[in-house]
PDB file of N, CA and C in Angstrom:
ATOM      1  N   MET A   1      25.286  -7.907  54.415  1.00  0.00           N
ATOM      2  CA  MET A   1      26.133  -7.901  53.252  1.00  0.00           C
ATOM      3  C   MET A   1      26.108  -9.243  52.537  1.00  0.00           C
ATOM      4  N   ALA A   2      26.150 -10.335  53.278  1.00  0.00           N
ATOM      5  CA  ALA A   2      26.140 -11.657  52.660  1.00  0.00           C
ATOM      6  C   ALA A   2      24.838 -11.877  51.895  1.00  0.00           C
ATOM      7  N   ASP A   3      23.744 -11.361  52.454  1.00  0.00           N
ATOM      8  CA  ASP A   3      22.455 -11.494  51.776  1.00  0.00           C
ATOM      9  C   ASP A   3      22.443 -10.710  50.470  1.00  0.00           C
ATOM     10  N   GLU A   4      23.075  -9.531  50.457  1.00  0.00           N
ATOM     11  CA  GLU A   4      23.140  -8.722  49.235  1.00  0.00           C
ATOM     12  C   GLU A   4      23.965  -9.433  48.165  1.00  0.00           C
ATOM     13  N   ASP A   5      25.061 -10.066  48.574  1.00  0.00           N
ATOM     14  CA  ASP A   5      25.894 -10.810  47.624  1.00  0.00           C
ATOM     15  C   ASP A   5      25.124 -11.989  47.028  1.00  0.00           C
ATOM     16  N   ARG A   6      24.408 -12.695  47.889  1.00  0.00           N
ATOM     17  CA  ARG A   6      23.620 -13.841  47.411  1.00  0.00           C
ATOM     18  C   ARG A   6      22.524 -13.377  46.463  1.00  0.00           C
ATOM     19  N   LEU A   7      21.881 -12.286  46.797  1.00  0.00           N
ATOM     20  CA  LEU A   7      20.833 -11.745  45.936  1.00  0.00           C
ATOM     21  C   LEU A   7      21.412 -11.321  44.581  1.00  0.00           C
ATOM     22  N   GLY A   8      22.555 -10.666  44.610  1.00  0.00           N
ATOM     23  CA  GLY A   8      23.221 -10.261  43.378  1.00  0.00           C
ATOM     24  C   GLY A   8      23.589 -11.447  42.504  1.00  0.00           C
ATOM     25  N   ARG A   9      24.147 -12.492  43.108  1.00  0.00           N
ATOM     26  CA  ARG A   9      24.499 -13.703  42.363  1.00  0.00           C
ATOM     27  C   ARG A   9      23.255 -14.362  41.780  1.00  0.00           C
ATOM     28  N   PHE A  10      22.219 -14.418  42.608  1.00  0.00           N
ATOM     29  CA  PHE A  10      20.959 -15.017  42.160  1.00  0.00           C
ATOM     30  C   PHE A  10      20.408 -14.262  40.949  1.00  0.00           C
ATOM     31  N   LEU A  11      20.366 -12.949  41.024  1.00  0.00           N
ATOM     32  CA  LEU A  11      19.842 -12.141  39.922  1.00  0.00           C
ATOM     33  C   LEU A  11      20.698 -12.290  38.663  1.00  0.00           C
ATOM     34  N   ARG A  12      22.011 -12.269  38.810  1.00  0.00           N
ATOM     35  CA  ARG A  12      22.891 -12.440  37.648  1.00  0.00           C
ATOM     36  C   ARG A  12      22.675 -13.801  36.997  1.00  0.00           C
ATOM     37  N   THR A  13      22.553 -14.833  37.818  1.00  0.00           N
ATOM     38  CA  THR A  13      22.324 -16.179  37.294  1.00  0.00           C
ATOM     39  C   THR A  13      21.014 -16.246  36.526  1.00  0.00           C
ATOM     40  N   LYS A  14      19.970 -15.686  37.094  1.00  0.00           N
ATOM     41  CA  LYS A  14      18.657 -15.721  36.442  1.00  0.00           C
ATOM     42  C   LYS A  14      18.650 -14.894  35.157  1.00  0.00           C
ATOM     43  N   LEU A  15      19.317 -13.762  35.159  1.00  0.00           N
ATOM     44  CA  LEU A  15      19.372 -12.934  33.952  1.00  0.00           C
ATOM     45  C   LEU A  15      20.158 -13.624  32.843  1.00  0.00           C
ATOM     46  N   ARG A  16      21.256 -14.272  33.191  1.00  0.00           N
ATOM     47  CA  ARG A  16      22.022 -15.016  32.193  1.00  0.00           C
ATOM     48  C   ARG A  16      21.190 -16.154  31.612  1.00  0.00           C
ATOM     49  N   SER A  17      20.500 -16.855  32.487  1.00  0.00           N
ATOM     50  CA  SER A  17      19.651 -17.961  32.050  1.00  0.00           C
ATOM     51  C   SER A  17      18.544 -17.461  31.115  1.00  0.00           C
ATOM     52  N   ALA A  18      17.927 -16.361  31.466  1.00  0.00           N
ATOM     53  CA  ALA A  18      16.882 -15.777  30.615  1.00  0.00           C
ATOM     54  C   ALA A  18      17.458 -15.341  29.274  1.00  0.00           C
ATOM     55  N   GLY A  19      18.647 -14.790  29.275  1.00  0.00           N
ATOM     56  CA  GLY A  19      19.298 -14.381  28.036  1.00  0.00           C
ATOM     57  C   GLY A  19      19.584 -15.566  27.130  1.00  0.00           C
ATOM     58  N   ARG A  20      20.060 -16.661  27.712  1.00  0.00           N
ATOM     59  CA  ARG A  20      20.325 -17.864  26.919  1.00  0.00           C
ATOM     60  C   ARG A  20      19.025 -18.429  26.349  1.00  0.00           C
ATOM     61  N   GLU A  21      17.976 -18.452  27.148  1.00  0.00           N
ATOM     62  CA  GLU A  21      16.682 -18.961  26.692  1.00  0.00           C
ATOM     63  C   GLU A  21      16.112 -18.092  25.577  1.00  0.00           C
ATOM     64  N   TYR A  22      16.247 -16.790  25.716  1.00  0.00           N
ATOM     65  CA  TYR A  22      15.792 -15.870  24.672  1.00  0.00           C
ATOM     66  C   TYR A  22      16.541 -16.136  23.365  1.00  0.00           C
ATOM     67  N   GLU A  23      17.840 -16.319  23.438  1.00  0.00           N
ATOM     68  CA  GLU A  23      18.639 -16.561  22.235  1.00  0.00           C
ATOM     69  C   GLU A  23      18.244 -17.883  21.585  1.00  0.00           C
ATOM     70  N   ARG A  24      18.000 -18.927  22.393  1.00  0.00           N
ATOM     71  CA  ARG A  24      17.545 -20.207  21.837  1.00  0.00           C
ATOM     72  C   ARG A  24      16.206 -20.047  21.119  1.00  0.00           C
ATOM     73  N   ALA A  25      15.287 -19.328  21.739  1.00  0.00           N
ATOM     74  CA  ALA A  25      13.970 -19.117  21.129  1.00  0.00           C
ATOM     75  C   ALA A  25      14.095 -18.301  19.844  1.00  0.00           C
ATOM     76  N   ARG A  26      14.949 -17.290  19.850  1.00  0.00           N
ATOM     77  CA  ARG A  26      15.144 -16.451  18.669  1.00  0.00           C
ATOM     78  C   ARG A  26      15.703 -17.286  17.522  1.00  0.00           C
ATOM     79  N   GLN A  27      16.679 -18.131  17.812  1.00  0.00           N
ATOM     80  CA  GLN A  27      17.266 -18.977  16.771  1.00  0.00           C
ATOM     81  C   GLN A  27      16.266 -20.010  16.262  1.00  0.00           C
ATOM     82  N   ALA A  28      15.472 -20.580  17.157  1.00  0.00           N
ATOM     83  CA  ALA A  28      14.466 -21.555  16.740  1.00  0.00           C
ATOM     84  C   ALA A  28      13.416 -20.894  15.853  1.00  0.00           C
ATOM     85  N   PHE A  29      13.022 -19.689  16.210  1.00  0.00           N
ATOM     86  CA  PHE A  29      12.051 -18.963  15.396  1.00  0.00           C
ATOM     87  C   PHE A  29      12.625 -18.682  14.017  1.00  0.00           C
ATOM     88  N   ALA A  30      13.858 -18.228  13.963  1.00  0.00           N
ATOM     89  CA  ALA A  30      14.495 -17.925  12.677  1.00  0.00           C
ATOM     90  C   ALA A  30      14.621 -19.195  11.833  1.00  0.00           C
ATOM     91  N   ALA A  31      14.987 -20.303  12.445  1.00  0.00           N
ATOM     92  CA  ALA A  31      15.110 -21.563  11.708  1.00  0.00           C
ATOM     93  C   ALA A  31      13.753 -22.025  11.195  1.00  0.00           C
ATOM     94  N   GLY A  32      12.723 -21.879  11.995  1.00  0.00           N
ATOM     95  CA  GLY A  32      11.375 -22.258  11.576  1.00  0.00           C
ATOM     96  C   GLY A  32      10.862 -21.385  10.467  1.00  0.00           C
ATOM     97  N   LYS A  33      11.171 -20.116  10.523  1.00  0.00           N
ATOM     98  CA  LYS A  33      10.736 -19.186   9.490  1.00  0.00           C
ATOM     99  C   LYS A  33      11.395 -19.539   8.162  1.00  0.00           C
ATOM    100  N   LEU A  34      12.675 -19.872   8.189  1.00  0.00           N
ATOM    101  CA  LEU A  34      13.372 -20.268   6.971  1.00  0.00           C
ATOM    102  C   LEU A  34      12.813 -21.572   6.424  1.00  0.00           C
ATOM    103  N   THR A  35      12.533 -22.513   7.290  1.00  0.00           N
ATOM    104  CA  THR A  35      11.967 -23.786   6.867  1.00  0.00           C
ATOM    105  C   THR A  35      10.610 -23.576   6.212  1.00  0.00           C
ATOM    106  N   GLY A  36       9.788 -22.741   6.792  1.00  0.00           N
ATOM    107  CA  GLY A  36       8.475 -22.466   6.218  1.00  0.00           C
ATOM    108  C   GLY A  36       8.573 -21.841   4.846  1.00  0.00           C
ATOM    109  N   GLU A  37       9.503 -20.932   4.646  1.00  0.00           N
ATOM    110  CA  GLU A  37       9.669 -20.299   3.344  1.00  0.00           C
ATOM    111  C   GLU A  37      10.130 -21.319   2.311  1.00  0.00           C
ATOM    112  N   ALA A  38      10.961 -22.249   2.694  1.00  0.00           N
ATOM    113  CA  ALA A  38      11.473 -23.251   1.761  1.00  0.00           C
ATOM    114  C   ALA A  38      10.384 -24.229   1.354  1.00  0.00           C
ATOM    115  N   ASP A  39       9.366 -24.406   2.183  1.00  0.00           N
ATOM    116  CA  ASP A  39       8.300 -25.365   1.905  1.00  0.00           C
ATOM    117  C   ASP A  39       7.166 -24.781   1.081  1.00  0.00           C
ATOM    118  N   ASP A  40       7.247 -23.519   0.662  1.00  0.00           N
ATOM    119  CA  ASP A  40       6.149 -22.885  -0.053  1.00  0.00           C
ATOM    120  C   ASP A  40       5.678 -23.711  -1.246  1.00  0.00           C
ATOM    121  N   ALA A  41       6.572 -24.191  -2.085  1.00  0.00           N
ATOM    122  CA  ALA A  41       6.197 -24.915  -3.292  1.00  0.00           C
ATOM    123  C   ALA A  41       5.564 -26.263  -2.953  1.00  0.00           C
ATOM    124  N   ILE A  42       6.002 -26.884  -1.898  1.00  0.00           N
ATOM    125  CA  ILE A  42       5.509 -28.212  -1.534  1.00  0.00           C
ATOM    126  C   ILE A  42       4.089 -28.133  -0.988  1.00  0.00           C
ATOM    127  N   ASP A  43       3.768 -27.101  -0.251  1.00  0.00           N
ATOM    128  CA  ASP A  43       2.504 -27.035   0.472  1.00  0.00           C
ATOM    129  C   ASP A  43       1.451 -26.173  -0.219  1.00  0.00           C
ATOM    130  N   GLU A  44       1.498 -26.070  -1.544  1.00  0.00           N
ATOM    131  CA  GLU A  44       0.546 -25.206  -2.243  1.00  0.00           C
ATOM    132  C   GLU A  44      -0.899 -25.657  -2.041  1.00  0.00           C
ATOM    133  N   ASP A  45      -1.145 -26.960  -1.907  1.00  0.00           N
ATOM    134  CA  ASP A  45      -2.505 -27.467  -1.776  1.00  0.00           C
ATOM    135  C   ASP A  45      -2.930 -27.654  -0.320  1.00  0.00           C
ATOM    136  N   ARG A  46      -2.167 -27.119   0.586  1.00  0.00           N
ATOM    137  CA  ARG A  46      -2.460 -27.274   2.013  1.00  0.00           C
ATOM    138  C   ARG A  46      -2.431 -25.922   2.709  1.00  0.00           C
ATOM    139  N   ALA A  47      -3.175 -25.827   3.799  1.00  0.00           N
ATOM    140  CA  ALA A  47      -3.126 -24.633   4.645  1.00  0.00           C
ATOM    141  C   ALA A  47      -2.009 -24.837   5.654  1.00  0.00           C
ATOM    142  N   ARG A  48      -1.137 -23.877   5.739  1.00  0.00           N
ATOM    143  CA  ARG A  48      -0.066 -23.940   6.733  1.00  0.00           C
ATOM    144  C   ARG A  48      -0.556 -23.189   7.960  1.00  0.00           C
ATOM    145  N   ILE A  49      -0.779 -23.906   9.017  1.00  0.00           N
ATOM    146  CA  ILE A  49      -1.341 -23.305  10.225  1.00  0.00           C
ATOM    147  C   ILE A  49      -0.429 -23.540  11.419  1.00  0.00           C
ATOM    148  N   VAL A  50      -0.654 -22.744  12.448  1.00  0.00           N
ATOM    149  CA  VAL A  50      -0.081 -23.011  13.761  1.00  0.00           C
ATOM    150  C   VAL A  50      -1.257 -23.494  14.592  1.00  0.00           C
ATOM    151  N   CYS A  51      -1.288 -24.781  14.850  1.00  0.00           N
ATOM    152  CA  CYS A  51      -2.415 -25.403  15.531  1.00  0.00           C
ATOM    153  C   CYS A  51      -2.491 -24.918  16.972  1.00  0.00           C
ATOM    154  N   ARG A  52      -3.614 -24.350  17.328  1.00  0.00           N
ATOM    155  CA  ARG A  52      -3.811 -23.876  18.706  1.00  0.00           C
ATOM    156  C   ARG A  52      -3.988 -25.040  19.668  1.00  0.00           C
ATOM    157  N   ARG A  53      -4.642 -26.069  19.198  1.00  0.00           N
ATOM    158  CA  ARG A  53      -4.967 -27.190  20.052  1.00  0.00           C
ATOM    159  C   ARG A  53      -3.722 -27.947  20.498  1.00  0.00           C
ATOM    160  N   TYR A  54      -2.822 -28.221  19.569  1.00  0.00           N
ATOM    161  CA  TYR A  54      -1.631 -29.008  19.890  1.00  0.00           C
ATOM    162  C   TYR A  54      -0.350 -28.185  19.904  1.00  0.00           C
ATOM    163  N   ALA A  55      -0.474 -26.877  19.668  1.00  0.00           N
ATOM    164  CA  ALA A  55       0.664 -25.954  19.709  1.00  0.00           C
ATOM    165  C   ALA A  55       1.818 -26.447  18.839  1.00  0.00           C
ATOM    166  N   GLU A  56       1.487 -26.716  17.568  1.00  0.00           N
ATOM    167  CA  GLU A  56       2.510 -27.134  16.634  1.00  0.00           C
ATOM    168  C   GLU A  56       2.205 -26.594  15.246  1.00  0.00           C
ATOM    169  N   ARG A  57       3.268 -26.475  14.450  1.00  0.00           N
ATOM    170  CA  ARG A  57       3.102 -26.038  13.069  1.00  0.00           C
ATOM    171  C   ARG A  57       2.774 -27.253  12.232  1.00  0.00           C
ATOM    172  N   ARG A  58       1.865 -27.069  11.278  1.00  0.00           N
ATOM    173  CA  ARG A  58       1.564 -28.171  10.376  1.00  0.00           C
ATOM    174  C   ARG A  58       0.948 -27.660   9.091  1.00  0.00           C
ATOM    175  N   ALA A  59       1.115 -28.443   8.054  1.00  0.00           N
ATOM    176  CA  ALA A  59       0.477 -28.170   6.777  1.00  0.00           C
ATOM    177  C   ALA A  59      -0.635 -29.206   6.637  1.00  0.00           C
ATOM    178  N   VAL A  60      -1.866 -28.731   6.519  1.00  0.00           N
ATOM    179  CA  VAL A  60      -3.008 -29.644   6.496  1.00  0.00           C
ATOM    180  C   VAL A  60      -3.874 -29.402   5.266  1.00  0.00           C
ATOM    181  N   PRO A  61      -4.409 -30.482   4.700  1.00  0.00           N
ATOM    182  CA  PRO A  61      -5.355 -30.304   3.600  1.00  0.00           C
ATOM    183  C   PRO A  61      -6.674 -29.767   4.157  1.00  0.00           C
ATOM    184  N   LEU A  62      -7.399 -29.036   3.341  1.00  0.00           N
ATOM    185  CA  LEU A  62      -8.697 -28.511   3.738  1.00  0.00           C
ATOM    186  C   LEU A  62      -9.796 -29.341   3.093  1.00  0.00           C
ATOM    187  N   ASP A  63     -10.895 -29.549   3.824  1.00  0.00           N
ATOM    188  CA  ASP A  63     -12.019 -30.267   3.234  1.00  0.00           C
ATOM    189  C   ASP A  63     -12.859 -29.311   2.387  1.00  0.00           C
ATOM    190  N   ASP A  64     -13.968 -29.793   1.851  1.00  0.00           N
ATOM    191  CA  ASP A  64     -14.816 -28.982   0.971  1.00  0.00           C
ATOM    192  C   ASP A  64     -15.408 -27.769   1.684  1.00  0.00           C
ATOM    193  N   ALA A  65     -15.532 -27.851   3.008  1.00  0.00           N
ATOM    194  CA  ALA A  65     -16.084 -26.740   3.788  1.00  0.00           C
ATOM    195  C   ALA A  65     -14.993 -25.771   4.239  1.00  0.00           C
ATOM    196  N   GLY A  66     -13.741 -26.004   3.825  1.00  0.00           N
ATOM    197  CA  GLY A  66     -12.640 -25.121   4.185  1.00  0.00           C
ATOM    198  C   GLY A  66     -12.087 -25.345   5.580  1.00  0.00           C
ATOM    199  N   ARG A  67     -12.321 -26.539   6.117  1.00  0.00           N
ATOM    200  CA  ARG A  67     -11.820 -26.876   7.456  1.00  0.00           C
ATOM    201  C   ARG A  67     -10.594 -27.761   7.342  1.00  0.00           C
ATOM    202  N   PRO A  68      -9.616 -27.590   8.234  1.00  0.00           N
ATOM    203  CA  PRO A  68      -8.443 -28.471   8.221  1.00  0.00           C
ATOM    204  C   PRO A  68      -8.858 -29.911   8.489  1.00  0.00           C
ATOM    205  N   ALA A  69      -8.093 -30.847   7.980  1.00  0.00           N
ATOM    206  CA  ALA A  69      -8.387 -32.271   8.173  1.00  0.00           C
ATOM    207  C   ALA A  69      -8.404 -32.648   9.651  1.00  0.00           C
ATOM    208  N   CYS A  70      -7.692 -31.921  10.476  1.00  0.00           N
ATOM    209  CA  CYS A  70      -7.622 -32.226  11.911  1.00  0.00           C
ATOM    210  C   CYS A  70      -8.781 -31.605  12.706  1.00  0.00           C
ATOM    211  N   PHE A  71      -9.694 -30.916  12.034  1.00  0.00           N
ATOM    212  CA  PHE A  71     -10.789 -30.194  12.689  1.00  0.00           C
ATOM    213  C   PHE A  71     -11.690 -31.132  13.492  1.00  0.00           C
ATOM    214  N   GLU A  72     -12.034 -30.693  14.710  1.00  0.00           N
ATOM    215  CA  GLU A  72     -12.984 -31.429  15.551  1.00  0.00           C
ATOM    216  C   GLU A  72     -14.106 -30.479  15.938  1.00  0.00           C
ATOM    217  N   ALA A  73     -15.305 -30.763  15.467  1.00  0.00           N
ATOM    218  CA  ALA A  73     -16.458 -29.907  15.748  1.00  0.00           C
ATOM    219  C   ALA A  73     -16.679 -29.796  17.249  1.00  0.00           C
ATOM    220  N   GLY A  74     -16.956 -28.597  17.696  1.00  0.00           N
ATOM    221  CA  GLY A  74     -17.227 -28.354  19.101  1.00  0.00           C
ATOM    222  C   GLY A  74     -16.002 -28.011  19.943  1.00  0.00           C
ATOM    223  N   HIS A  75     -14.828 -28.257  19.419  1.00  0.00           N
ATOM    224  CA  HIS A  75     -13.611 -27.924  20.167  1.00  0.00           C
ATOM    225  C   HIS A  75     -13.301 -26.445  19.941  1.00  0.00           C
ATOM    226  N   ALA A  76     -13.165 -25.691  21.010  1.00  0.00           N
ATOM    227  CA  ALA A  76     -13.005 -24.236  20.921  1.00  0.00           C
ATOM    228  C   ALA A  76     -11.797 -23.831  20.075  1.00  0.00           C
ATOM    229  N   ASP A  77     -10.673 -24.515  20.238  1.00  0.00           N
ATOM    230  CA  ASP A  77      -9.482 -24.179  19.461  1.00  0.00           C
ATOM    231  C   ASP A  77      -9.708 -24.438  17.973  1.00  0.00           C
ATOM    232  N   CYS A  78     -10.349 -25.567  17.655  1.00  0.00           N
ATOM    233  CA  CYS A  78     -10.609 -25.905  16.250  1.00  0.00           C
ATOM    234  C   CYS A  78     -11.602 -24.920  15.630  1.00  0.00           C
ATOM    235  N   GLU A  79     -12.639 -24.585  16.368  1.00  0.00           N
ATOM    236  CA  GLU A  79     -13.635 -23.633  15.868  1.00  0.00           C
ATOM    237  C   GLU A  79     -12.981 -22.274  15.604  1.00  0.00           C
ATOM    238  N   GLY A  80     -12.120 -21.844  16.515  1.00  0.00           N
ATOM    239  CA  GLY A  80     -11.414 -20.571  16.341  1.00  0.00           C
ATOM    240  C   GLY A  80     -10.480 -20.598  15.145  1.00  0.00           C
ATOM    241  N   CYS A  81      -9.844 -21.730  14.915  1.00  0.00           N
ATOM    242  CA  CYS A  81      -8.938 -21.875  13.782  1.00  0.00           C
ATOM    243  C   CYS A  81      -9.703 -21.728  12.469  1.00  0.00           C
ATOM    244  N   VAL A  82     -10.844 -22.404  12.358  1.00  0.00           N
ATOM    245  CA  VAL A  82     -11.651 -22.326  11.134  1.00  0.00           C
ATOM    246  C   VAL A  82     -12.146 -20.900  10.922  1.00  0.00           C
ATOM    247  N   GLU A  83     -12.577 -20.257  11.996  1.00  0.00           N
ATOM    248  CA  GLU A  83     -13.034 -18.866  11.892  1.00  0.00           C
ATOM    249  C   GLU A  83     -11.898 -17.970  11.384  1.00  0.00           C
ATOM    250  N   ASP A  84     -10.706 -18.169  11.926  1.00  0.00           N
ATOM    251  CA  ASP A  84      -9.559 -17.371  11.481  1.00  0.00           C
ATOM    252  C   ASP A  84      -9.192 -17.666  10.026  1.00  0.00           C
ATOM    253  N   LEU A  85      -9.284 -18.931   9.617  1.00  0.00           N
ATOM    254  CA  LEU A  85      -9.015 -19.275   8.216  1.00  0.00           C
ATOM    255  C   LEU A  85      -9.989 -18.546   7.291  1.00  0.00           C
ATOM    256  N   ARG A  86     -11.245 -18.530   7.664  1.00  0.00           N
ATOM    257  CA  ARG A  86     -12.263 -17.873   6.832  1.00  0.00           C
ATOM    258  C   ARG A  86     -12.075 -16.360   6.780  1.00  0.00           C
ATOM    259  N   GLU A  87     -11.580 -15.799   7.878  1.00  0.00           N
ATOM    260  CA  GLU A  87     -11.369 -14.352   7.943  1.00  0.00           C
ATOM    261  C   GLU A  87     -10.010 -13.951   7.375  1.00  0.00           C
ATOM    262  N   GLY A  88      -9.178 -14.931   7.057  1.00  0.00           N
ATOM    263  CA  GLY A  88      -7.855 -14.651   6.503  1.00  0.00           C
ATOM    264  C   GLY A  88      -6.855 -14.142   7.516  1.00  0.00           C
ATOM    265  N   ARG A  89      -7.056 -14.475   8.776  1.00  0.00           N
ATOM    266  CA  ARG A  89      -6.140 -13.989   9.811  1.00  0.00           C
ATOM    267  C   ARG A  89      -5.455 -15.113  10.572  1.00  0.00           C
ATOM    268  N   ILE A  90      -5.342 -16.274   9.934  1.00  0.00           N
ATOM    269  CA  ILE A  90      -4.676 -17.409  10.570  1.00  0.00           C
ATOM    270  C   ILE A  90      -3.182 -17.165  10.663  1.00  0.00           C
ATOM    271  N   GLU A  91      -2.578 -17.601  11.746  1.00  0.00           N
ATOM    272  CA  GLU A  91      -1.123 -17.482  11.909  1.00  0.00           C
ATOM    273  C   GLU A  91      -0.483 -18.589  11.091  1.00  0.00           C
ATOM    274  N   THR A  92       0.359 -18.212  10.144  1.00  0.00           N
ATOM    275  CA  THR A  92       1.006 -19.208   9.304  1.00  0.00           C
ATOM    276  C   THR A  92       2.497 -19.178   9.517  1.00  0.00           C
ATOM    277  N   TRP A  93       3.185 -20.119   8.917  1.00  0.00           N
ATOM    278  CA  TRP A  93       4.634 -20.188   9.006  1.00  0.00           C
ATOM    279  C   TRP A  93       5.201 -20.352   7.643  1.00  0.00           C
TER     280      TRP A  93
END
């Protein structure tokens, strides 16, 4: 019985923690989405990307070849980003 009580407490604690983390992530996503919409006019000359390499949102200028300024030739994440930009399937904010 004591083991069942401990297991129940453990599960409740973990579920509450997961619920709080989910709510934080949901609010952060909503705040980021609003911020991105507000920046539309400012970032007209830049590509708004979610950088795979550094896992961050950024607005970057594109060079003449259509690559972000942060592009590094040979890096798998950078190559994939450029490919997605060319195909029009880049994740934006």
